[in-house]
Amino acid sequence: MTKSYQMGYRKISMLLCFFFFVIGCKKKDCEEVIDQVYVYPIEAAKGKSFDERTEMFKIPEQTLHCLSTDALIKSCISYPEMRLMWTMSDLQGGFDKVNAMCNGFGELFGRGEKYQGLINLYKHLSFNQDWKSYSDLENGRYMDNIVRHELIIAQYEILNDLTSPEKIELFQLTLDNQKKKYALAHQYWGLDGMATTCAILSRIMYLDKYQPLIEEYNNNKLMLINVANILILDSDVVNKTMSLSEDYLKILKNK
């Protein structure tokens, strides 16, 4: 064995030892999974500048990696500046802004069980509550919570990793929820409230290269905006998305 080969072999061995040492430490540090939502220092951040608050609201790395996926999702949804998703001209731009500030999303998108955690929470959101029994403020907060869940699910980091059974499950559930929103569109949801459900449906069809959707995307700027920006500017886009989704669901189930 030559001297240079021995040195190279030794370096590789040292790197491998270091790698397994780091992995071992990480596992040891996370022997106790944190199953509770991260508590952001909201009171301490009062009076601070925007940049200072952003830094204060970052989840500490050790805590971040040890949060259960369920707790991580809830921590992302309750992120204090998540409200900024409404401050941009479209919801995708709003999410991108929040994503750049909150380190929880990067961790979530790297989790293998991210979809299962999201769908389990999404399934338990009620679209059939007695809306008239609550104040406008209470309804607004509840609707905002639903949109937050859907906005995360609509990200390509989630949709790209779906298995066939997961895709069918999500598509069916989202279409059902979109129909419920549509029935109450004038009283409550409006176009903005339906943007996230329509985006999940249209983005799945777009990723699957469903030709009727692709043709609509290429020839109808409003559909392109729906897919790319999660923004609906005309109710015809809602109707077209729902019609295409009904047809595509049958195809998904027969594959």
C-alpha atoms as a PDB file:
ATOM      1  CA  MET A   1       0.000   0.000   0.000  1.00  0.00           C
ATOM      2  CA  THR A   2       1.556   3.349  -1.048  1.00  0.00           C
ATOM      3  CA  LYS A   3       2.031   6.205   1.376  1.00  0.00           C
ATOM      4  CA  SER A   4      -0.383   8.511  -0.491  1.00  0.00           C
ATOM      5  CA  TYR A   5      -3.018   5.749  -0.570  1.00  0.00           C
ATOM      6  CA  GLN A   6      -2.586   5.187   3.171  1.00  0.00           C
ATOM      7  CA  MET A   7      -3.054   8.899   3.859  1.00  0.00           C
ATOM      8  CA  GLY A   8      -6.158   9.020   1.681  1.00  0.00           C
ATOM      9  CA  TYR A   9      -7.620   5.951   3.349  1.00  0.00           C
ATOM     10  CA  ARG A  10      -6.912   7.447   6.759  1.00  0.00           C
ATOM     11  CA  LYS A  11      -8.687  10.705   5.858  1.00  0.00           C
ATOM     12  CA  ILE A  12     -11.747   8.849   4.623  1.00  0.00           C
ATOM     13  CA  SER A  13     -11.815   6.733   7.791  1.00  0.00           C
ATOM     14  CA  MET A  14     -11.599   9.856   9.946  1.00  0.00           C
ATOM     15  CA  LEU A  15     -14.428  11.509   8.021  1.00  0.00           C
ATOM     16  CA  LEU A  16     -16.610   8.417   8.371  1.00  0.00           C
ATOM     17  CA  CYS A  17     -15.912   8.249  12.101  1.00  0.00           C
ATOM     18  CA  PHE A  18     -16.797  11.915  12.463  1.00  0.00           C
ATOM     19  CA  PHE A  19     -19.996  11.441  10.440  1.00  0.00           C
ATOM     20  CA  PHE A  20     -21.203   8.539  12.575  1.00  0.00           C
ATOM     21  CA  PHE A  21     -20.179  10.418  15.719  1.00  0.00           C
ATOM     22  CA  VAL A  22     -22.345  13.396  14.709  1.00  0.00           C
ATOM     23  CA  ILE A  23     -25.276  11.167  13.772  1.00  0.00           C
ATOM     24  CA  GLY A  24     -24.962   9.321  17.044  1.00  0.00           C
ATOM     25  CA  CYS A  25     -24.924  12.550  19.004  1.00  0.00           C
ATOM     26  CA  LYS A  26     -27.979  13.851  17.214  1.00  0.00           C
ATOM     27  CA  LYS A  27     -29.913  10.674  17.941  1.00  0.00           C
ATOM     28  CA  LYS A  28     -28.826  10.784  21.561  1.00  0.00           C
ATOM     29  CA  ASP A  29     -29.845  14.436  21.888  1.00  0.00           C
ATOM     30  CA  CYS A  30     -33.295  13.621  20.510  1.00  0.00           C
ATOM     31  CA  GLU A  31     -34.002  10.510  22.540  1.00  0.00           C
ATOM     32  CA  GLU A  32     -36.942  12.420  23.986  1.00  0.00           C
ATOM     33  CA  VAL A  33     -39.068  13.759  21.148  1.00  0.00           C
ATOM     34  CA  ILE A  34     -40.747  17.078  21.911  1.00  0.00           C
ATOM     35  CA  ASP A  35     -44.444  16.613  21.258  1.00  0.00           C
ATOM     36  CA  GLN A  36     -45.591  20.072  22.283  1.00  0.00           C
ATOM     37  CA  VAL A  37     -45.958  23.175  20.148  1.00  0.00           C
ATOM     38  CA  TYR A  38     -43.015  25.560  20.409  1.00  0.00           C
ATOM     39  CA  VAL A  39     -43.826  28.599  22.550  1.00  0.00           C
ATOM     40  CA  TYR A  40     -42.621  31.723  20.756  1.00  0.00           C
ATOM     41  CA  PRO A  41     -41.322  34.599  22.953  1.00  0.00           C
ATOM     42  CA  ILE A  42     -44.089  36.961  21.861  1.00  0.00           C
ATOM     43  CA  GLU A  43     -44.094  39.083  25.022  1.00  0.00           C
ATOM     44  CA  ALA A  44     -40.323  39.477  25.005  1.00  0.00           C
ATOM     45  CA  ALA A  45     -40.439  40.531  21.339  1.00  0.00           C
ATOM     46  CA  LYS A  46     -42.808  43.435  21.963  1.00  0.00           C
ATOM     47  CA  GLY A  47     -41.203  46.761  21.127  1.00  0.00           C
ATOM     48  CA  LYS A  48     -38.396  45.122  19.163  1.00  0.00           C
ATOM     49  CA  SER A  49     -37.618  45.938  15.549  1.00  0.00           C
ATOM     50  CA  PHE A  50     -38.880  43.717  12.743  1.00  0.00           C
ATOM     51  CA  ASP A  51     -35.436  42.153  12.261  1.00  0.00           C
ATOM     52  CA  GLU A  52     -35.030  41.571  15.989  1.00  0.00           C
ATOM     53  CA  ARG A  53     -38.428  39.878  16.232  1.00  0.00           C
ATOM     54  CA  THR A  54     -37.644  37.702  13.224  1.00  0.00           C
ATOM     55  CA  GLU A  55     -34.463  36.496  14.909  1.00  0.00           C
ATOM     56  CA  MET A  56     -36.199  35.955  18.239  1.00  0.00           C
ATOM     57  CA  PHE A  57     -38.926  33.878  16.599  1.00  0.00           C
ATOM     58  CA  LYS A  58     -36.501  31.392  15.059  1.00  0.00           C
ATOM     59  CA  ILE A  59     -36.894  28.009  16.729  1.00  0.00           C
ATOM     60  CA  PRO A  60     -33.587  26.991  18.390  1.00  0.00           C
ATOM     61  CA  GLU A  61     -31.880  24.316  16.289  1.00  0.00           C
ATOM     62  CA  GLN A  62     -31.777  21.727  19.058  1.00  0.00           C
ATOM     63  CA  THR A  63     -35.511  22.151  19.701  1.00  0.00           C
ATOM     64  CA  LEU A  64     -36.335  22.332  15.984  1.00  0.00           C
ATOM     65  CA  HIS A  65     -34.803  18.953  15.133  1.00  0.00           C
ATOM     66  CA  CYS A  66     -36.409  17.236  18.121  1.00  0.00           C
ATOM     67  CA  LEU A  67     -39.971  18.433  17.604  1.00  0.00           C
ATOM     68  CA  SER A  68     -42.353  15.687  16.535  1.00  0.00           C
ATOM     69  CA  THR A  69     -43.723  16.287  13.045  1.00  0.00           C
ATOM     70  CA  ASP A  70     -47.172  17.018  14.464  1.00  0.00           C
ATOM     71  CA  ALA A  71     -45.736  19.582  16.892  1.00  0.00           C
ATOM     72  CA  LEU A  72     -43.559  21.048  14.136  1.00  0.00           C
ATOM     73  CA  ILE A  73     -46.534  21.572  11.809  1.00  0.00           C
ATOM     74  CA  LYS A  74     -48.534  23.247  14.571  1.00  0.00           C
ATOM     75  CA  SER A  75     -45.507  25.395  15.430  1.00  0.00           C
ATOM     76  CA  CYS A  76     -45.299  26.540  11.802  1.00  0.00           C
ATOM     77  CA  ILE A  77     -49.015  27.292  11.633  1.00  0.00           C
ATOM     78  CA  SER A  78     -48.868  29.297  14.878  1.00  0.00           C
ATOM     79  CA  TYR A  79     -45.742  31.206  13.807  1.00  0.00           C
ATOM     80  CA  PRO A  80     -46.371  34.794  15.047  1.00  0.00           C
ATOM     81  CA  GLU A  81     -45.668  36.367  11.674  1.00  0.00           C
ATOM     82  CA  MET A  82     -47.688  33.845   9.662  1.00  0.00           C
ATOM     83  CA  ARG A  83     -50.247  36.622   9.265  1.00  0.00           C
ATOM     84  CA  LEU A  84     -47.852  38.230   6.776  1.00  0.00           C
ATOM     85  CA  MET A  85     -48.984  35.676   4.203  1.00  0.00           C
ATOM     86  CA  TRP A  86     -51.855  38.110   3.535  1.00  0.00           C
ATOM     87  CA  THR A  87     -49.646  41.153   3.006  1.00  0.00           C
ATOM     88  CA  MET A  88     -48.373  40.323  -0.475  1.00  0.00           C
ATOM     89  CA  SER A  89     -50.291  40.550  -3.748  1.00  0.00           C
ATOM     90  CA  ASP A  90     -50.794  36.760  -3.786  1.00  0.00           C
ATOM     91  CA  LEU A  91     -50.682  33.921  -1.279  1.00  0.00           C
ATOM     92  CA  GLN A  92     -47.647  32.210  -2.790  1.00  0.00           C
ATOM     93  CA  GLY A  93     -45.673  35.428  -2.433  1.00  0.00           C
ATOM     94  CA  GLY A  94     -46.976  35.726   1.112  1.00  0.00           C
ATOM     95  CA  PHE A  95     -45.883  32.202   1.950  1.00  0.00           C
ATOM     96  CA  ASP A  96     -42.456  32.767   0.414  1.00  0.00           C
ATOM     97  CA  LYS A  97     -42.027  35.814   2.641  1.00  0.00           C
ATOM     98  CA  VAL A  98     -42.964  33.880   5.787  1.00  0.00           C
ATOM     99  CA  ASN A  99     -40.886  30.863   4.742  1.00  0.00           C
ATOM    100  CA  ALA A 100     -37.798  33.072   4.493  1.00  0.00           C
ATOM    101  CA  MET A 101     -38.350  34.176   8.088  1.00  0.00           C
ATOM    102  CA  CYS A 102     -39.497  30.960   9.804  1.00  0.00           C
ATOM    103  CA  ASN A 103     -36.957  28.130   9.995  1.00  0.00           C
ATOM    104  CA  GLY A 104     -39.668  25.614  10.809  1.00  0.00           C
ATOM    105  CA  PHE A 105     -40.745  25.121   7.199  1.00  0.00           C
ATOM    106  CA  GLY A 106     -37.321  24.019   5.976  1.00  0.00           C
ATOM    107  CA  GLU A 107     -37.249  21.405   8.716  1.00  0.00           C
ATOM    108  CA  LEU A 108     -40.788  20.292   7.894  1.00  0.00           C
ATOM    109  CA  PHE A 109     -40.153  19.917   4.170  1.00  0.00           C
ATOM    110  CA  GLY A 110     -37.253  17.599   4.949  1.00  0.00           C
ATOM    111  CA  ARG A 111     -39.379  15.244   7.059  1.00  0.00           C
ATOM    112  CA  GLY A 112     -40.393  11.958   5.439  1.00  0.00           C
ATOM    113  CA  GLU A 113     -43.711  11.896   7.299  1.00  0.00           C
ATOM    114  CA  LYS A 114     -44.648  15.515   6.507  1.00  0.00           C
ATOM    115  CA  TYR A 115     -47.662  14.629   4.371  1.00  0.00           C
ATOM    116  CA  GLN A 116     -49.152  12.235   6.907  1.00  0.00           C
ATOM    117  CA  GLY A 117     -48.829  14.816   9.644  1.00  0.00           C
ATOM    118  CA  LEU A 118     -50.451  17.508   7.511  1.00  0.00           C
ATOM    119  CA  ILE A 119     -53.327  15.372   6.231  1.00  0.00           C
ATOM    120  CA  ASN A 120     -54.153  14.119   9.729  1.00  0.00           C
ATOM    121  CA  LEU A 121     -54.561  17.710  10.911  1.00  0.00           C
ATOM    122  CA  TYR A 122     -56.371  18.818   7.765  1.00  0.00           C
ATOM    123  CA  LYS A 123     -58.933  16.023   8.069  1.00  0.00           C
ATOM    124  CA  HIS A 124     -60.011  17.331  11.459  1.00  0.00           C
ATOM    125  CA  LEU A 125     -60.814  20.842  10.245  1.00  0.00           C
ATOM    126  CA  SER A 126     -64.568  21.333  10.007  1.00  0.00           C
ATOM    127  CA  PHE A 127     -66.051  22.996   6.943  1.00  0.00           C
ATOM    128  CA  ASN A 128     -69.609  22.341   8.099  1.00  0.00           C
ATOM    129  CA  GLN A 129     -69.726  24.267  11.341  1.00  0.00           C
ATOM    130  CA  ASP A 130     -72.676  26.516  12.144  1.00  0.00           C
ATOM    131  CA  TRP A 131     -71.050  29.707  10.900  1.00  0.00           C
ATOM    132  CA  LYS A 132     -73.947  31.892  12.041  1.00  0.00           C
ATOM    133  CA  SER A 133     -73.352  30.890  15.644  1.00  0.00           C
ATOM    134  CA  TYR A 134     -70.021  32.702  15.656  1.00  0.00           C
ATOM    135  CA  SER A 135     -69.002  36.307  15.252  1.00  0.00           C
ATOM    136  CA  ASP A 136     -67.369  37.582  12.074  1.00  0.00           C
ATOM    137  CA  LEU A 137     -64.067  37.790  13.958  1.00  0.00           C
ATOM    138  CA  GLU A 138     -64.320  34.191  15.159  1.00  0.00           C
ATOM    139  CA  ASN A 139     -65.236  32.954  11.684  1.00  0.00           C
ATOM    140  CA  GLY A 140     -62.409  34.968  10.170  1.00  0.00           C
ATOM    141  CA  ARG A 141     -59.871  33.410  12.516  1.00  0.00           C
ATOM    142  CA  TYR A 142     -61.185  29.920  11.833  1.00  0.00           C
ATOM    143  CA  MET A 143     -61.069  30.418   8.079  1.00  0.00           C
ATOM    144  CA  ASP A 144     -57.572  31.839   8.347  1.00  0.00           C
ATOM    145  CA  ASN A 145     -56.487  28.690  10.185  1.00  0.00           C
ATOM    146  CA  ILE A 146     -57.884  26.505   7.406  1.00  0.00           C
ATOM    147  CA  VAL A 147     -56.117  28.561   4.747  1.00  0.00           C
ATOM    148  CA  ARG A 148     -52.834  28.243   6.644  1.00  0.00           C
ATOM    149  CA  HIS A 149     -53.059  24.445   6.539  1.00  0.00           C
ATOM    150  CA  GLU A 150     -53.973  24.443   2.854  1.00  0.00           C
ATOM    151  CA  LEU A 151     -51.269  26.929   1.918  1.00  0.00           C
ATOM    152  CA  ILE A 152     -48.598  24.653   3.361  1.00  0.00           C
ATOM    153  CA  ILE A 153     -50.071  21.579   1.672  1.00  0.00           C
ATOM    154  CA  ALA A 154     -50.159  23.470  -1.654  1.00  0.00           C
ATOM    155  CA  GLN A 155     -46.382  23.880  -1.687  1.00  0.00           C
ATOM    156  CA  TYR A 156     -44.501  21.827  -4.264  1.00  0.00           C
ATOM    157  CA  GLU A 157     -42.223  20.538  -1.491  1.00  0.00           C
ATOM    158  CA  ILE A 158     -45.281  18.616  -0.296  1.00  0.00           C
ATOM    159  CA  LEU A 159     -47.015  17.778  -3.569  1.00  0.00           C
ATOM    160  CA  ASN A 160     -43.882  16.514  -5.339  1.00  0.00           C
ATOM    161  CA  ASP A 161     -43.426  13.732  -2.780  1.00  0.00           C
ATOM    162  CA  LEU A 162     -46.950  12.284  -2.790  1.00  0.00           C
ATOM    163  CA  THR A 163     -47.414   8.579  -3.390  1.00  0.00           C
ATOM    164  CA  SER A 164     -50.330   7.522  -5.608  1.00  0.00           C
ATOM    165  CA  PRO A 165     -52.607   6.607  -2.644  1.00  0.00           C
ATOM    166  CA  GLU A 166     -51.709   9.885  -0.902  1.00  0.00           C
ATOM    167  CA  LYS A 167     -52.477  11.862  -4.042  1.00  0.00           C
ATOM    168  CA  ILE A 168     -55.916  10.288  -4.397  1.00  0.00           C
ATOM    169  CA  GLU A 169     -56.659  10.841  -0.712  1.00  0.00           C
ATOM    170  CA  LEU A 170     -55.605  14.495  -0.809  1.00  0.00           C
ATOM    171  CA  PHE A 171     -57.309  15.221  -4.129  1.00  0.00           C
ATOM    172  CA  GLN A 172     -60.628  13.741  -2.980  1.00  0.00           C
ATOM    173  CA  LEU A 173     -60.544  15.532   0.374  1.00  0.00           C
ATOM    174  CA  THR A 174     -59.568  18.863  -1.161  1.00  0.00           C
ATOM    175  CA  LEU A 175     -62.237  18.663  -3.847  1.00  0.00           C
ATOM    176  CA  ASP A 176     -64.870  17.875  -1.209  1.00  0.00           C
ATOM    177  CA  ASN A 177     -63.710  20.849   0.853  1.00  0.00           C
ATOM    178  CA  GLN A 178     -63.663  23.098  -2.193  1.00  0.00           C
ATOM    179  CA  LYS A 179     -67.309  22.218  -2.875  1.00  0.00           C
ATOM    180  CA  LYS A 180     -68.176  23.166   0.705  1.00  0.00           C
ATOM    181  CA  LYS A 181     -66.377  26.473   0.295  1.00  0.00           C
ATOM    182  CA  TYR A 182     -68.107  27.097  -3.018  1.00  0.00           C
ATOM    183  CA  ALA A 183     -71.529  26.643  -1.426  1.00  0.00           C
ATOM    184  CA  LEU A 184     -70.668  29.437   1.024  1.00  0.00           C
ATOM    185  CA  ALA A 185     -68.540  31.535  -1.302  1.00  0.00           C
ATOM    186  CA  HIS A 186     -70.754  34.618  -1.269  1.00  0.00           C
ATOM    187  CA  GLN A 187     -71.373  34.657   2.476  1.00  0.00           C
ATOM    188  CA  TYR A 188     -67.934  33.736   3.740  1.00  0.00           C
ATOM    189  CA  TRP A 189     -65.087  32.429   1.598  1.00  0.00           C
ATOM    190  CA  GLY A 190     -64.952  34.670  -1.446  1.00  0.00           C
ATOM    191  CA  LEU A 191     -62.283  34.181  -4.114  1.00  0.00           C
ATOM    192  CA  ASP A 192     -59.373  34.636  -1.695  1.00  0.00           C
ATOM    193  CA  GLY A 193     -60.689  31.913   0.596  1.00  0.00           C
ATOM    194  CA  MET A 194     -60.990  29.432  -2.266  1.00  0.00           C
ATOM    195  CA  ALA A 195     -57.518  30.107  -3.690  1.00  0.00           C
ATOM    196  CA  THR A 196     -55.705  27.499  -1.606  1.00  0.00           C
ATOM    197  CA  THR A 197     -58.051  24.598  -2.300  1.00  0.00           C
ATOM    198  CA  CYS A 198     -58.060  25.439  -6.003  1.00  0.00           C
ATOM    199  CA  ALA A 199     -54.256  25.652  -5.938  1.00  0.00           C
ATOM    200  CA  ILE A 200     -53.855  22.185  -4.414  1.00  0.00           C
ATOM    201  CA  LEU A 201     -56.115  20.699  -7.069  1.00  0.00           C
ATOM    202  CA  SER A 202     -54.665  22.594 -10.024  1.00  0.00           C
ATOM    203  CA  ARG A 203     -51.063  22.048  -8.943  1.00  0.00           C
ATOM    204  CA  ILE A 204     -51.550  18.299  -8.652  1.00  0.00           C
ATOM    205  CA  MET A 205     -53.026  18.232 -12.154  1.00  0.00           C
ATOM    206  CA  TYR A 206     -50.211  20.467 -13.382  1.00  0.00           C
ATOM    207  CA  LEU A 207     -47.521  18.209 -11.906  1.00  0.00           C
ATOM    208  CA  ASP A 208     -49.211  15.170 -13.437  1.00  0.00           C
ATOM    209  CA  LYS A 209     -49.332  16.964 -16.809  1.00  0.00           C
ATOM    210  CA  TYR A 210     -53.075  16.461 -17.116  1.00  0.00           C
ATOM    211  CA  GLN A 211     -53.559  17.759 -20.637  1.00  0.00           C
ATOM    212  CA  PRO A 212     -56.858  19.663 -20.206  1.00  0.00           C
ATOM    213  CA  LEU A 213     -55.310  21.567 -17.288  1.00  0.00           C
ATOM    214  CA  ILE A 214     -52.073  22.175 -19.177  1.00  0.00           C
ATOM    215  CA  GLU A 215     -54.022  23.596 -22.118  1.00  0.00           C
ATOM    216  CA  GLU A 216     -55.938  25.874 -19.796  1.00  0.00           C
ATOM    217  CA  TYR A 217     -52.696  26.901 -18.093  1.00  0.00           C
ATOM    218  CA  ASN A 218     -51.050  27.741 -21.434  1.00  0.00           C
ATOM    219  CA  ASN A 219     -54.010  29.613 -22.912  1.00  0.00           C
ATOM    220  CA  ASN A 220     -55.670  31.241 -19.929  1.00  0.00           C
ATOM    221  CA  LYS A 221     -53.537  33.707 -17.984  1.00  0.00           C
ATOM    222  CA  LEU A 222     -55.950  33.614 -15.062  1.00  0.00           C
ATOM    223  CA  MET A 223     -55.441  29.859 -14.672  1.00  0.00           C
ATOM    224  CA  LEU A 224     -51.675  30.343 -14.857  1.00  0.00           C
ATOM    225  CA  ILE A 225     -51.937  32.883 -12.043  1.00  0.00           C
ATOM    226  CA  ASN A 226     -53.991  30.422 -10.002  1.00  0.00           C
ATOM    227  CA  VAL A 227     -51.369  27.693 -10.376  1.00  0.00           C
ATOM    228  CA  ALA A 228     -48.257  29.826 -10.050  1.00  0.00           C
ATOM    229  CA  ASN A 229     -49.321  32.444  -7.532  1.00  0.00           C
ATOM    230  CA  ILE A 230     -52.255  30.937  -5.590  1.00  0.00           C
ATOM    231  CA  LEU A 231     -54.417  33.852  -6.599  1.00  0.00           C
ATOM    232  CA  ILE A 232     -57.901  33.805  -8.137  1.00  0.00           C
ATOM    233  CA  LEU A 233     -58.996  36.880 -10.048  1.00  0.00           C
ATOM    234  CA  ASP A 234     -62.180  35.516 -11.602  1.00  0.00           C
ATOM    235  CA  SER A 235     -64.817  33.016 -10.476  1.00  0.00           C
ATOM    236  CA  ASP A 236     -64.586  31.264 -13.857  1.00  0.00           C
ATOM    237  CA  VAL A 237     -61.210  29.902 -12.725  1.00  0.00           C
ATOM    238  CA  VAL A 238     -62.901  28.305  -9.723  1.00  0.00           C
ATOM    239  CA  ASN A 239     -65.577  26.697 -11.878  1.00  0.00           C
ATOM    240  CA  LYS A 240     -63.036  25.453 -14.414  1.00  0.00           C
ATOM    241  CA  THR A 241     -60.756  24.027 -11.720  1.00  0.00           C
ATOM    242  CA  MET A 242     -63.629  22.166 -10.093  1.00  0.00           C
ATOM    243  CA  SER A 243     -64.841  20.778 -13.424  1.00  0.00           C
ATOM    244  CA  LEU A 244     -61.372  19.577 -14.413  1.00  0.00           C
ATOM    245  CA  SER A 245     -60.868  18.121 -10.944  1.00  0.00           C
ATOM    246  CA  GLU A 246     -64.043  16.057 -11.136  1.00  0.00           C
ATOM    247  CA  ASP A 247     -62.808  14.474 -14.364  1.00  0.00           C
ATOM    248  CA  TYR A 248     -59.260  13.986 -13.147  1.00  0.00           C
ATOM    249  CA  LEU A 249     -60.309  12.328  -9.912  1.00  0.00           C
ATOM    250  CA  LYS A 250     -61.949   9.566 -11.951  1.00  0.00           C
ATOM    251  CA  ILE A 251     -58.696   9.085 -13.850  1.00  0.00           C
ATOM    252  CA  LEU A 252     -56.681   8.962 -10.628  1.00  0.00           C
ATOM    253  CA  LYS A 253     -58.939   6.308  -9.144  1.00  0.00           C
ATOM    254  CA  ASN A 254     -58.740   4.156 -12.280  1.00  0.00           C
ATOM    255  CA  LYS A 255     -54.957   4.193 -12.610  1.00  0.00           C
END
